[in-house]
Amino acid sequence: MTAYREKIILTYRHLLEMHEELLTRIINVGMTGEYSEVNTVFKPGDTYKFDLEQFRGTKDDNLNKLLTFFGELENLMNSLTNINRITEEELGQED
């Protein structure tokens, strides 16, 4: 693997980490803001798989901006994957 490709792969891995963290932050902002009444239903230890579509259409400008950024990040990641033909195998390899 060339040094350039290695840097692209490392960058993509970092974007994956950012993607996961941003998803968590969006859910946290939503559940403590506009959707705080829904949050009261959950008890410690409960699990629920959130779908970001549940947060769309909110009146919360901050949440909308975060959702827009999340979509842009996904578009960037998809473009990098397509342009560079990044494989799951490459992403799983440690340097």
N, C-alpha and C. Protein backbone atom coordinates (compact mmCIF):
# COMPACT_ATOMS: atom_id res chain seq x y z
N MET A 1 0.85 -1.17 0.00
CA MET A 1 0.00 0.00 0.00
C MET A 1 0.90 1.24 0.00
N THR A 2 0.55 2.20 -0.84
CA THR A 2 1.34 3.43 -0.89
C THR A 2 1.09 4.27 0.36
N ALA A 3 2.01 5.17 0.63
CA ALA A 3 1.87 6.05 1.79
C ALA A 3 0.61 6.91 1.65
N TYR A 4 0.33 7.34 0.43
CA TYR A 4 -0.86 8.16 0.19
C TYR A 4 -2.13 7.38 0.52
N ARG A 5 -2.23 6.17 0.00
CA ARG A 5 -3.41 5.33 0.25
C ARG A 5 -3.55 5.05 1.75
N GLU A 6 -2.43 4.80 2.39
CA GLU A 6 -2.45 4.55 3.83
C GLU A 6 -3.05 5.75 4.58
N LYS A 7 -2.67 6.96 4.16
CA LYS A 7 -3.22 8.17 4.79
C LYS A 7 -4.71 8.32 4.52
N ILE A 8 -5.15 7.96 3.32
CA ILE A 8 -6.58 8.00 3.00
C ILE A 8 -7.33 7.03 3.90
N ILE A 9 -6.81 5.82 4.06
CA ILE A 9 -7.44 4.81 4.91
C ILE A 9 -7.48 5.28 6.37
N LEU A 10 -6.38 5.83 6.85
CA LEU A 10 -6.33 6.34 8.22
C LEU A 10 -7.34 7.47 8.43
N THR A 11 -7.44 8.33 7.44
CA THR A 11 -8.39 9.44 7.50
C THR A 11 -9.81 8.91 7.54
N TYR A 12 -10.09 7.92 6.71
CA TYR A 12 -11.43 7.33 6.69
C TYR A 12 -11.76 6.69 8.03
N ARG A 13 -10.81 6.02 8.63
CA ARG A 13 -11.03 5.42 9.96
C ARG A 13 -11.38 6.51 10.98
N HIS A 14 -10.68 7.62 10.89
CA HIS A 14 -10.96 8.73 11.80
C HIS A 14 -12.37 9.27 11.56
N LEU A 15 -12.76 9.38 10.30
CA LEU A 15 -14.11 9.84 9.97
C LEU A 15 -15.17 8.88 10.52
N LEU A 16 -14.88 7.58 10.50
CA LEU A 16 -15.79 6.60 11.08
C LEU A 16 -16.00 6.85 12.57
N GLU A 17 -14.91 7.14 13.26
CA GLU A 17 -15.00 7.44 14.70
C GLU A 17 -15.83 8.70 14.92
N MET A 18 -15.59 9.71 14.10
CA MET A 18 -16.35 10.96 14.20
C MET A 18 -17.84 10.71 13.92
N HIS A 19 -18.11 9.86 12.95
CA HIS A 19 -19.48 9.51 12.57
C HIS A 19 -20.22 8.91 13.76
N GLU A 20 -19.59 7.97 14.42
CA GLU A 20 -20.20 7.32 15.58
C GLU A 20 -20.42 8.31 16.72
N GLU A 21 -19.43 9.14 16.98
CA GLU A 21 -19.53 10.13 18.06
C GLU A 21 -20.60 11.17 17.75
N LEU A 22 -20.67 11.63 16.51
CA LEU A 22 -21.67 12.61 16.13
C LEU A 22 -23.07 12.04 16.26
N LEU A 23 -23.25 10.78 15.89
CA LEU A 23 -24.54 10.12 16.04
C LEU A 23 -24.97 10.13 17.51
N THR A 24 -24.05 9.79 18.39
CA THR A 24 -24.33 9.80 19.83
C THR A 24 -24.71 11.20 20.29
N ARG A 25 -23.96 12.20 19.84
CA ARG A 25 -24.21 13.58 20.26
C ARG A 25 -25.58 14.08 19.76
N ILE A 26 -25.94 13.71 18.55
CA ILE A 26 -27.24 14.12 18.00
C ILE A 26 -28.36 13.53 18.85
N ILE A 27 -28.24 12.26 19.19
CA ILE A 27 -29.26 11.62 20.02
C ILE A 27 -29.33 12.29 21.38
N ASN A 28 -28.17 12.56 21.98
CA ASN A 28 -28.14 13.21 23.29
C ASN A 28 -28.77 14.60 23.26
N VAL A 29 -28.46 15.38 22.24
CA VAL A 29 -29.05 16.72 22.11
C VAL A 29 -30.56 16.60 21.95
N GLY A 30 -30.99 15.71 21.09
CA GLY A 30 -32.43 15.53 20.87
C GLY A 30 -33.17 15.09 22.11
N MET A 31 -32.58 14.14 22.84
CA MET A 31 -33.26 13.57 24.00
C MET A 31 -33.21 14.46 25.23
N THR A 32 -32.35 15.44 25.25
CA THR A 32 -32.35 16.38 26.37
C THR A 32 -33.00 17.70 25.99
N GLY A 33 -33.33 17.85 24.72
CA GLY A 33 -33.97 19.07 24.23
C GLY A 33 -35.41 18.82 23.89
N GLU A 34 -35.71 18.92 22.61
CA GLU A 34 -37.08 18.84 22.13
C GLU A 34 -37.79 17.53 22.48
N TYR A 35 -37.03 16.46 22.60
CA TYR A 35 -37.63 15.15 22.88
C TYR A 35 -37.43 14.71 24.33
N SER A 36 -37.23 15.67 25.21
CA SER A 36 -36.95 15.33 26.61
C SER A 36 -38.11 14.58 27.28
N GLU A 37 -39.35 14.86 26.84
CA GLU A 37 -40.48 14.15 27.43
C GLU A 37 -40.45 12.66 27.09
N VAL A 38 -39.95 12.32 25.92
CA VAL A 38 -39.80 10.91 25.53
C VAL A 38 -38.73 10.25 26.38
N ASN A 39 -37.70 11.00 26.70
CA ASN A 39 -36.57 10.48 27.47
C ASN A 39 -37.01 10.00 28.85
N THR A 40 -38.08 10.57 29.39
CA THR A 40 -38.54 10.17 30.72
C THR A 40 -39.10 8.76 30.75
N VAL A 41 -39.44 8.22 29.59
CA VAL A 41 -39.99 6.86 29.50
C VAL A 41 -38.92 5.81 29.75
N PHE A 42 -37.67 6.14 29.41
CA PHE A 42 -36.58 5.18 29.53
C PHE A 42 -36.09 5.06 30.96
N LYS A 43 -35.79 3.85 31.36
CA LYS A 43 -35.24 3.57 32.69
C LYS A 43 -33.78 3.18 32.54
N PRO A 44 -32.97 3.35 33.60
CA PRO A 44 -31.56 2.91 33.52
C PRO A 44 -31.48 1.44 33.10
N GLY A 45 -30.62 1.19 32.14
CA GLY A 45 -30.44 -0.17 31.62
C GLY A 45 -31.28 -0.47 30.40
N ASP A 46 -32.28 0.36 30.10
CA ASP A 46 -33.08 0.16 28.89
C ASP A 46 -32.21 0.34 27.66
N THR A 47 -32.53 -0.38 26.61
CA THR A 47 -31.84 -0.20 25.34
C THR A 47 -32.87 0.12 24.26
N TYR A 48 -32.44 0.92 23.32
CA TYR A 48 -33.30 1.31 22.21
C TYR A 48 -32.39 1.72 21.07
N LYS A 49 -32.70 1.27 19.87
CA LYS A 49 -31.91 1.65 18.69
C LYS A 49 -32.61 2.83 18.02
N PHE A 50 -31.95 3.98 18.09
CA PHE A 50 -32.50 5.19 17.50
C PHE A 50 -32.23 5.24 16.00
N ASP A 51 -33.16 5.83 15.29
CA ASP A 51 -33.03 6.11 13.87
C ASP A 51 -33.04 7.63 13.74
N LEU A 52 -32.06 8.18 13.06
CA LEU A 52 -31.99 9.64 12.97
C LEU A 52 -33.22 10.25 12.31
N GLU A 53 -33.94 9.47 11.54
CA GLU A 53 -35.16 9.98 10.92
C GLU A 53 -36.16 10.42 11.99
N GLN A 54 -36.06 9.82 13.17
CA GLN A 54 -36.95 10.19 14.27
C GLN A 54 -36.71 11.63 14.73
N PHE A 55 -35.55 12.18 14.44
CA PHE A 55 -35.20 13.52 14.89
C PHE A 55 -35.40 14.58 13.81
N ARG A 56 -35.67 14.14 12.60
CA ARG A 56 -35.85 15.10 11.50
C ARG A 56 -37.20 15.81 11.65
N GLY A 57 -37.26 17.02 11.14
CA GLY A 57 -38.49 17.79 11.20
C GLY A 57 -38.66 18.53 12.52
N THR A 58 -37.62 18.58 13.29
CA THR A 58 -37.66 19.27 14.58
C THR A 58 -37.63 20.79 14.39
N LYS A 59 -38.06 21.49 15.39
CA LYS A 59 -37.98 22.96 15.38
C LYS A 59 -36.66 23.42 15.99
N ASP A 60 -35.87 22.50 16.49
CA ASP A 60 -34.59 22.81 17.14
C ASP A 60 -33.53 23.09 16.07
N ASP A 61 -33.13 24.35 15.95
CA ASP A 61 -32.14 24.74 14.93
C ASP A 61 -30.81 24.02 15.12
N ASN A 62 -30.39 23.86 16.37
CA ASN A 62 -29.11 23.17 16.63
C ASN A 62 -29.17 21.72 16.16
N LEU A 63 -30.24 21.06 16.48
CA LEU A 63 -30.39 19.67 16.07
C LEU A 63 -30.45 19.55 14.55
N ASN A 64 -31.14 20.47 13.90
CA ASN A 64 -31.20 20.46 12.44
C ASN A 64 -29.83 20.66 11.82
N LYS A 65 -29.04 21.56 12.39
CA LYS A 65 -27.68 21.78 11.86
C LYS A 65 -26.82 20.54 12.05
N LEU A 66 -26.94 19.90 13.20
CA LEU A 66 -26.17 18.67 13.43
C LEU A 66 -26.59 17.57 12.45
N LEU A 67 -27.89 17.45 12.20
CA LEU A 67 -28.38 16.45 11.25
C LEU A 67 -27.89 16.74 9.84
N THR A 68 -27.86 18.01 9.46
CA THR A 68 -27.34 18.39 8.15
C THR A 68 -25.86 18.03 8.03
N PHE A 69 -25.09 18.34 9.07
CA PHE A 69 -23.67 18.02 9.07
C PHE A 69 -23.46 16.50 9.00
N PHE A 70 -24.27 15.76 9.71
CA PHE A 70 -24.18 14.30 9.70
C PHE A 70 -24.38 13.78 8.27
N GLY A 71 -25.36 14.31 7.57
CA GLY A 71 -25.60 13.92 6.18
C GLY A 71 -24.43 14.26 5.28
N GLU A 72 -23.84 15.43 5.48
CA GLU A 72 -22.68 15.84 4.69
C GLU A 72 -21.48 14.93 4.98
N LEU A 73 -21.31 14.55 6.24
CA LEU A 73 -20.23 13.65 6.61
C LEU A 73 -20.42 12.29 5.94
N GLU A 74 -21.64 11.79 5.94
CA GLU A 74 -21.91 10.52 5.26
C GLU A 74 -21.63 10.61 3.76
N ASN A 75 -22.01 11.73 3.14
CA ASN A 75 -21.74 11.91 1.71
C ASN A 75 -20.23 11.91 1.44
N LEU A 76 -19.48 12.60 2.29
CA LEU A 76 -18.02 12.64 2.15
C LEU A 76 -17.44 11.23 2.27
N MET A 77 -17.89 10.50 3.27
CA MET A 77 -17.36 9.15 3.48
C MET A 77 -17.70 8.24 2.31
N ASN A 78 -18.92 8.35 1.79
CA ASN A 78 -19.31 7.55 0.62
C ASN A 78 -18.45 7.91 -0.59
N SER A 79 -18.19 9.20 -0.77
CA SER A 79 -17.35 9.63 -1.89
C SER A 79 -15.94 9.08 -1.78
N LEU A 80 -15.37 9.18 -0.57
CA LEU A 80 -14.01 8.65 -0.38
C LEU A 80 -13.96 7.15 -0.64
N THR A 81 -14.98 6.45 -0.19
CA THR A 81 -15.04 5.01 -0.42
C THR A 81 -15.09 4.70 -1.91
N ASN A 82 -15.94 5.41 -2.62
CA ASN A 82 -16.11 5.16 -4.05
C ASN A 82 -14.88 5.57 -4.86
N ILE A 83 -14.36 6.76 -4.60
CA ILE A 83 -13.21 7.26 -5.35
C ILE A 83 -11.99 6.36 -5.17
N ASN A 84 -11.80 5.92 -3.93
CA ASN A 84 -10.59 5.16 -3.60
C ASN A 84 -10.81 3.66 -3.50
N ARG A 85 -12.03 3.24 -3.73
CA ARG A 85 -12.38 1.81 -3.65
C ARG A 85 -11.87 1.19 -2.35
N ILE A 86 -12.20 1.84 -1.25
CA ILE A 86 -11.78 1.38 0.07
C ILE A 86 -12.59 0.13 0.41
N THR A 87 -11.89 -0.90 0.87
CA THR A 87 -12.55 -2.15 1.20
C THR A 87 -12.69 -2.31 2.72
N GLU A 88 -13.61 -3.16 3.11
CA GLU A 88 -13.79 -3.48 4.53
C GLU A 88 -12.50 -4.10 5.09
N GLU A 89 -11.86 -4.88 4.27
CA GLU A 89 -10.60 -5.52 4.69
C GLU A 89 -9.55 -4.47 5.03
N GLU A 90 -9.42 -3.45 4.19
CA GLU A 90 -8.45 -2.38 4.47
C GLU A 90 -8.79 -1.62 5.74
N LEU A 91 -10.07 -1.43 5.98
CA LEU A 91 -10.46 -0.69 7.18
C LEU A 91 -10.20 -1.49 8.45
N GLY A 92 -10.22 -2.80 8.33
CA GLY A 92 -10.00 -3.65 9.48
C GLY A 92 -8.54 -3.90 9.80
N GLN A 93 -7.65 -3.59 8.86
CA GLN A 93 -6.22 -3.82 9.05
C GLN A 93 -5.64 -2.77 9.99
N GLU A 94 -4.79 -3.21 10.87
CA GLU A 94 -4.05 -2.29 11.72
C GLU A 94 -2.73 -1.94 11.04
N ASP A 95 -2.27 -0.72 11.27
CA ASP A 95 -1.03 -0.27 10.62
C ASP A 95 0.18 -0.62 11.43
